[in-house]
Protein backbone atom coordinates (compact mmCIF):
# COMPACT_ATOMS: atom_id res chain seq x y z
CA MET A 1 112.87 73.93 157.76
CA ASN A 2 111.71 70.37 157.15
CA SER A 3 113.78 68.10 154.93
CA PRO A 4 112.17 66.49 151.84
CA PHE A 5 112.36 63.20 153.71
CA SER A 6 110.34 64.48 156.64
CA GLN A 7 107.82 66.00 154.22
CA SER A 8 107.44 62.62 152.52
CA ILE A 9 106.77 60.94 155.85
CA THR A 10 104.14 63.57 156.71
CA PHE A 11 102.44 63.00 153.38
CA LYS A 12 102.25 59.28 153.88
CA LYS A 13 100.76 59.68 157.35
CA GLU A 14 98.03 61.90 155.98
CA LEU A 15 96.93 59.29 153.44
CA LYS A 16 95.16 56.31 154.91
CA ILE A 17 93.64 53.51 152.89
CA ASP A 18 90.23 52.30 154.04
CA ASP A 19 89.04 48.71 153.74
CA GLN A 20 87.06 49.27 150.55
CA GLU A 21 89.97 51.07 148.83
CA PHE A 22 92.37 48.33 149.92
CA LYS A 23 90.13 45.60 148.52
CA GLN A 24 89.69 47.51 145.26
CA LEU A 25 93.44 47.98 144.75
CA ARG A 26 94.37 44.52 145.97
CA ASP A 27 91.93 42.89 143.54
CA PHE A 28 93.22 45.07 140.70
CA ILE A 29 96.85 44.12 141.43
CA TYR A 30 95.90 40.44 141.57
CA GLU A 31 93.97 40.72 138.31
CA LYS A 32 96.92 42.32 136.52
CA SER A 33 99.87 40.45 138.02
CA GLY A 34 98.75 37.45 140.07
CA ILE A 35 100.41 38.98 143.13
CA TYR A 36 98.16 38.53 146.15
CA ILE A 37 98.37 40.99 149.05
CA GLY A 38 96.85 39.61 152.23
CA ASP A 39 94.60 41.54 154.60
CA ASN A 40 97.45 41.76 157.11
CA ARG A 41 99.57 43.71 154.59
CA LYS A 42 97.29 46.68 154.15
CA TYR A 43 100.16 48.86 155.34
CA LEU A 44 102.19 47.74 152.30
CA LEU A 45 99.92 49.51 149.84
CA GLU A 46 99.62 52.52 152.11
CA ASN A 47 103.40 52.90 152.41
CA ARG A 48 104.43 52.06 148.87
CA LEU A 49 101.73 53.84 146.88
CA GLY A 50 101.73 57.17 148.72
CA ASN A 51 104.29 58.69 146.36
CA ARG A 52 102.34 57.51 143.32
CA LEU A 53 99.28 59.44 144.52
CA LYS A 54 101.48 62.46 145.11
CA ALA A 55 102.95 62.20 141.59
CA HIS A 56 99.47 62.57 140.09
CA ASN A 57 98.07 65.01 142.67
CA LEU A 58 95.48 62.49 143.77
CA LYS A 59 93.76 62.93 147.11
CA SER A 60 92.75 59.36 147.91
CA PHE A 61 93.45 55.74 147.08
CA LYS A 62 89.98 55.58 145.54
CA GLU A 63 91.07 58.21 143.00
CA TYR A 64 94.22 56.21 142.33
CA ALA A 65 92.22 53.02 141.68
CA TYR A 66 90.07 54.96 139.19
CA PHE A 67 93.21 56.40 137.57
CA LEU A 68 94.66 52.89 137.07
CA ARG A 69 91.55 51.70 135.26
CA TYR A 70 90.49 54.66 133.18
CA ASP A 71 93.14 57.38 132.81
CA SER A 72 94.93 57.84 129.48
CA GLN A 73 98.24 57.33 131.33
CA ARG A 74 97.11 54.09 132.97
CA ASN A 75 99.54 51.83 131.08
CA GLU A 76 102.55 53.92 132.09
CA GLU A 77 101.27 54.03 135.68
CA LEU A 78 100.75 50.27 135.73
CA ALA A 79 104.47 49.85 135.06
CA LYS A 80 105.22 52.18 137.99
CA LEU A 81 102.81 50.21 140.17
CA PHE A 82 104.65 46.97 139.39
CA GLU A 83 107.91 48.64 140.33
CA VAL A 84 106.80 49.68 143.79
CA ILE A 85 104.87 46.57 144.82
CA THR A 86 107.55 44.05 143.85
CA THR A 87 110.57 43.70 146.08
CA ASN A 88 113.92 43.29 144.32
CA GLU A 89 116.28 42.31 147.12
CA THR A 90 118.77 39.94 145.55
CA SER A 91 122.49 39.33 145.04
CA PHE A 92 124.95 37.38 142.95
CA PHE A 93 125.38 33.74 144.03
CA ARG A 94 122.38 34.10 146.32
CA ASN A 95 121.85 30.98 148.42
CA PRO A 96 125.27 29.41 147.71
CA PRO A 97 124.16 25.80 148.50
CA GLN A 98 121.64 25.94 145.64
CA ILE A 99 124.14 27.41 143.20
CA LYS A 100 126.73 24.81 144.21
CA ILE A 101 124.23 21.99 143.61
CA PHE A 102 123.39 23.45 140.21
CA GLN A 103 127.06 23.81 139.28
CA ASP A 104 128.47 20.57 140.69
CA GLN A 105 125.55 18.20 140.17
CA ILE A 106 122.64 19.28 138.00
CA LEU A 107 124.45 21.16 135.23
CA LYS A 108 127.15 18.51 134.87
CA ASP A 109 124.51 15.76 134.67
CA ILE A 110 122.63 17.67 131.96
CA ILE A 111 125.80 18.28 129.95
CA LYS A 112 126.80 14.62 130.22
CA ALA A 113 123.35 13.44 129.07
CA LYS A 114 123.28 15.88 126.15
CA LYS A 115 126.75 14.89 125.01
CA ALA A 116 125.65 11.25 125.01
CA ARG A 117 122.75 12.21 122.70
CA GLY A 118 124.95 14.39 120.51
CA GLU A 119 123.16 17.58 121.58
CA LYS A 120 124.80 20.92 122.29
CA LYS A 121 121.80 23.15 123.03
CA LEU A 122 121.21 24.29 126.61
CA THR A 123 118.37 26.56 127.75
CA ILE A 124 117.87 27.95 131.24
CA TRP A 125 114.93 30.13 132.29
CA SER A 126 115.28 32.66 135.09
CA ALA A 127 111.63 33.53 135.85
CA GLY A 128 111.51 36.57 138.10
CA CYS A 129 115.06 37.68 137.35
CA SER A 130 114.80 41.09 139.08
CA THR A 131 117.85 43.29 138.39
CA GLY A 132 119.83 40.49 136.73
CA GLU A 133 121.96 39.03 139.50
CA GLU A 134 120.50 35.53 139.13
CA PRO A 135 120.76 35.09 135.33
CA TYR A 136 124.25 36.60 135.29
CA THR A 137 125.23 34.20 138.09
CA LEU A 138 123.96 31.31 135.96
CA SER A 139 125.94 32.61 132.98
CA ILE A 140 129.09 32.72 135.10
CA VAL A 141 128.45 29.14 136.22
CA LEU A 142 128.11 28.05 132.59
CA HIS A 143 131.45 29.68 131.82
CA GLU A 144 133.05 27.98 134.82
CA VAL A 145 131.73 24.51 133.96
CA LEU A 146 132.04 24.50 130.16
CA GLN A 147 135.18 26.66 129.98
CA HIS A 148 136.90 26.15 126.59
CA GLU A 149 133.96 24.00 125.37
CA LEU A 150 131.50 26.90 125.66
CA GLY A 151 132.07 28.01 122.06
CA SER A 152 130.87 24.67 120.71
CA TRP A 153 127.58 24.86 122.65
CA LYS A 154 124.41 26.90 122.11
CA PRO A 155 123.66 28.10 125.64
CA LYS A 156 120.83 30.53 126.34
CA ILE A 157 119.54 32.05 129.55
CA ILE A 158 116.04 33.52 129.25
CA ALA A 159 115.56 36.14 131.96
CA ASN A 160 112.09 37.56 132.62
CA ASP A 161 110.51 39.90 135.12
CA LEU A 162 107.28 41.82 135.55
CA SER A 163 108.95 45.22 135.94
CA ASN A 164 110.54 46.93 132.96
CA ALA A 165 112.46 49.19 135.36
CA VAL A 166 114.38 46.30 136.91
CA LEU A 167 114.95 44.81 133.46
CA SER A 168 116.55 48.07 132.34
CA ALA A 169 118.87 47.92 135.34
CA ALA A 170 119.67 44.29 134.52
CA ARG A 171 120.60 45.13 130.95
CA ARG A 172 122.99 47.83 132.18
CA GLY A 173 124.75 45.22 134.31
CA ILE A 174 126.39 47.60 136.78
CA TYR A 175 126.33 46.63 140.46
CA THR A 176 127.50 47.76 143.87
CA GLN A 177 129.70 45.79 146.24
CA TYR A 178 126.56 44.96 148.23
CA ALA A 179 125.12 43.01 145.28
CA LEU A 180 128.41 41.04 145.20
CA ARG A 181 128.48 40.33 148.93
CA THR A 182 128.05 36.56 148.47
CA THR A 183 130.30 36.30 145.39
CA PRO A 184 133.72 34.63 145.70
CA PRO A 185 136.53 37.20 145.17
CA GLU A 186 138.11 35.16 142.37
CA ILE A 187 134.78 35.22 140.47
CA ILE A 188 134.60 39.01 140.78
CA LYS A 189 138.12 39.26 139.42
CA ARG A 190 137.37 36.98 136.44
CA TYR A 191 133.95 38.21 135.37
CA PHE A 192 133.59 41.86 136.44
CA VAL A 193 135.26 45.15 135.57
CA GLU A 194 135.54 47.80 138.28
CA GLU A 195 134.04 50.91 136.72
CA SER A 196 134.61 53.21 139.67
CA GLU A 197 135.02 52.86 143.40
CA GLY A 198 132.36 50.43 144.57
CA LYS A 199 130.80 49.94 141.09
CA PHE A 200 131.31 46.76 139.07
CA ARG A 201 130.23 46.00 135.50
CA VAL A 202 129.48 42.49 134.28
CA GLN A 203 131.77 41.50 131.41
CA ASP A 204 130.20 41.29 127.94
CA ARG A 205 130.90 37.56 127.67
CA VAL A 206 128.61 37.04 130.68
CA LYS A 207 125.92 39.30 129.20
CA ASP A 208 126.05 37.59 125.83
CA LEU A 209 124.36 34.42 127.13
CA VAL A 210 121.37 36.26 128.67
CA GLN A 211 118.20 37.46 126.91
CA PHE A 212 116.01 39.77 129.00
CA GLY A 213 112.30 40.31 128.47
CA GLN A 214 109.16 41.40 130.29
CA ILE A 215 106.68 38.73 131.32
CA ASN A 216 103.65 38.43 133.57
CA LEU A 217 103.56 35.03 135.26
CA SER A 218 99.78 35.28 135.61
CA ASP A 219 99.43 35.27 131.81
CA ARG A 220 99.40 31.65 130.62
CA PHE A 221 99.60 32.72 126.98
CA GLN A 222 102.89 34.53 127.63
CA LEU A 223 104.28 31.54 129.50
CA LYS A 224 103.45 29.19 126.65
CA LYS A 225 105.57 31.33 124.31
CA VAL A 226 108.74 30.84 126.37
CA GLU A 227 111.21 28.47 124.74
CA ARG A 228 111.28 25.07 126.42
CA SER A 229 113.94 24.81 129.08
CA ASP A 230 116.35 22.35 130.62
CA VAL A 231 116.32 24.19 133.94
CA ILE A 232 114.00 26.78 135.47
CA PHE A 233 114.97 29.06 138.33
CA CYS A 234 112.02 30.77 140.02
CA ARG A 235 113.28 31.61 143.47
CA ASN A 236 111.41 33.70 146.04
CA VAL A 237 108.65 34.56 143.58
CA ILE A 238 105.71 32.21 144.17
CA ILE A 239 105.53 33.32 147.81
CA TYR A 240 103.69 36.39 146.49
CA PHE A 241 100.93 34.31 144.86
CA ASP A 242 97.82 32.70 146.32
CA ASP A 243 97.37 28.91 146.08
CA GLU A 244 95.49 28.94 142.78
CA MET A 245 98.07 31.18 141.14
CA LYS A 246 100.93 29.07 142.51
CA LYS A 247 99.40 25.94 140.98
CA ASN A 248 98.89 27.64 137.61
CA VAL A 249 102.48 28.91 137.48
CA ILE A 250 104.03 25.61 138.60
CA ASN A 251 101.91 23.71 136.05
CA SER A 252 103.17 26.10 133.35
CA PHE A 253 106.75 25.45 134.46
CA TYR A 254 106.14 21.70 134.25
CA ASP A 255 104.79 22.06 130.71
CA ASN A 256 107.75 24.24 129.73
CA LEU A 257 110.46 21.93 131.04
CA LEU A 258 111.93 19.34 128.72
CA PRO A 259 111.76 15.73 129.95
CA GLY A 260 114.45 15.30 132.59
CA GLY A 261 114.42 19.04 133.33
CA TYR A 262 114.86 20.63 136.74
CA LEU A 263 113.07 23.33 138.73
CA PHE A 264 114.74 25.44 141.44
CA ILE A 265 112.53 27.45 143.81
CA GLY A 266 113.49 29.47 146.88
CA HIS A 267 115.11 27.52 149.71
CA SER A 268 112.20 28.47 152.02
CA GLU A 269 109.57 27.62 149.40
CA SER A 270 107.99 24.23 148.80
CA LEU A 271 105.78 22.50 146.23
CA HIS A 272 103.98 20.65 149.04
CA ASN A 273 100.22 20.92 148.39
CA ILE A 274 100.94 22.72 145.11
CA SER A 275 102.10 19.98 142.72
CA ARG A 276 102.91 16.28 142.82
CA ALA A 277 104.05 16.21 139.21
CA PHE A 278 107.73 16.71 140.11
CA LYS A 279 110.06 14.28 141.83
CA PRO A 280 111.82 16.06 144.73
CA LEU A 281 115.57 15.43 144.86
CA HIS A 282 117.12 16.05 148.26
CA TYR A 283 120.59 17.58 148.43
CA PRO A 284 122.44 19.12 151.39
CA GLY A 285 120.74 22.43 152.08
CA SER A 286 118.29 22.28 149.18
CA ILE A 287 115.56 20.42 147.29
CA VAL A 288 115.56 20.35 143.48
CA TYR A 289 112.45 19.28 141.57
CA LEU A 290 112.82 16.90 138.63
CA LYS A 291 110.44 16.45 135.71
CA GLU A 292 110.91 12.77 135.05
CA LYS A 293 111.04 11.45 131.49
């Protein structure tokens, strides 16, 4: 008797996406999310969407494309589509050199400048927050840096993602040891509660600084509604966009940032040929982009 897993593999092999179907679905995904899937990633749609066709008893990717545009359940299915085409591999304190630069340099400089102006409001935007590891990391850093002063500040971390499913997981704030694999043990001890063997819950004081919400980075109107920020983190997100979309998103980030604000992107990403509006600041192991006053 075949296992359910082997049956799933058989199903996926039976469904092949032809060039016309691929183009139709790729263009639809780009239209709705700004995510561009290159011709060399045809297999991605074939592999990831097979179960969605099965869920609706559809016999081809052409039928699925029609379903997404015209079926009464299309809005619910669009949310499922976003879930399966976006990858959510992340962890707490991901890319430690970047987090260290933020904690030891950038954040302390911002706090010093705000104190000099008599300001106590601090806003950070985590754009593409996935299941919450990044914004909760930033909240922990704020606790570590401000410590007993935190109560006199008005800190806010705005955390957005395209997928409501990952946002639901983020709000729950329960993680495995794997998600904490790059987190210092003393940080785990201070800011997490072990719920059961191998499961850790973020403490409420960490959650309290974070506001989660759904956003589509291809929608300029939505981006304009985001509160202006001192720092934006958008790491390992723009790699999924084509050049035009990258420029639109980065321009929106520039407009959102307050004068003297900072942008963090993935350590393997670059603004070269995308934007010259920012001043690149070179640190060991990372580049941070400054919006000059």
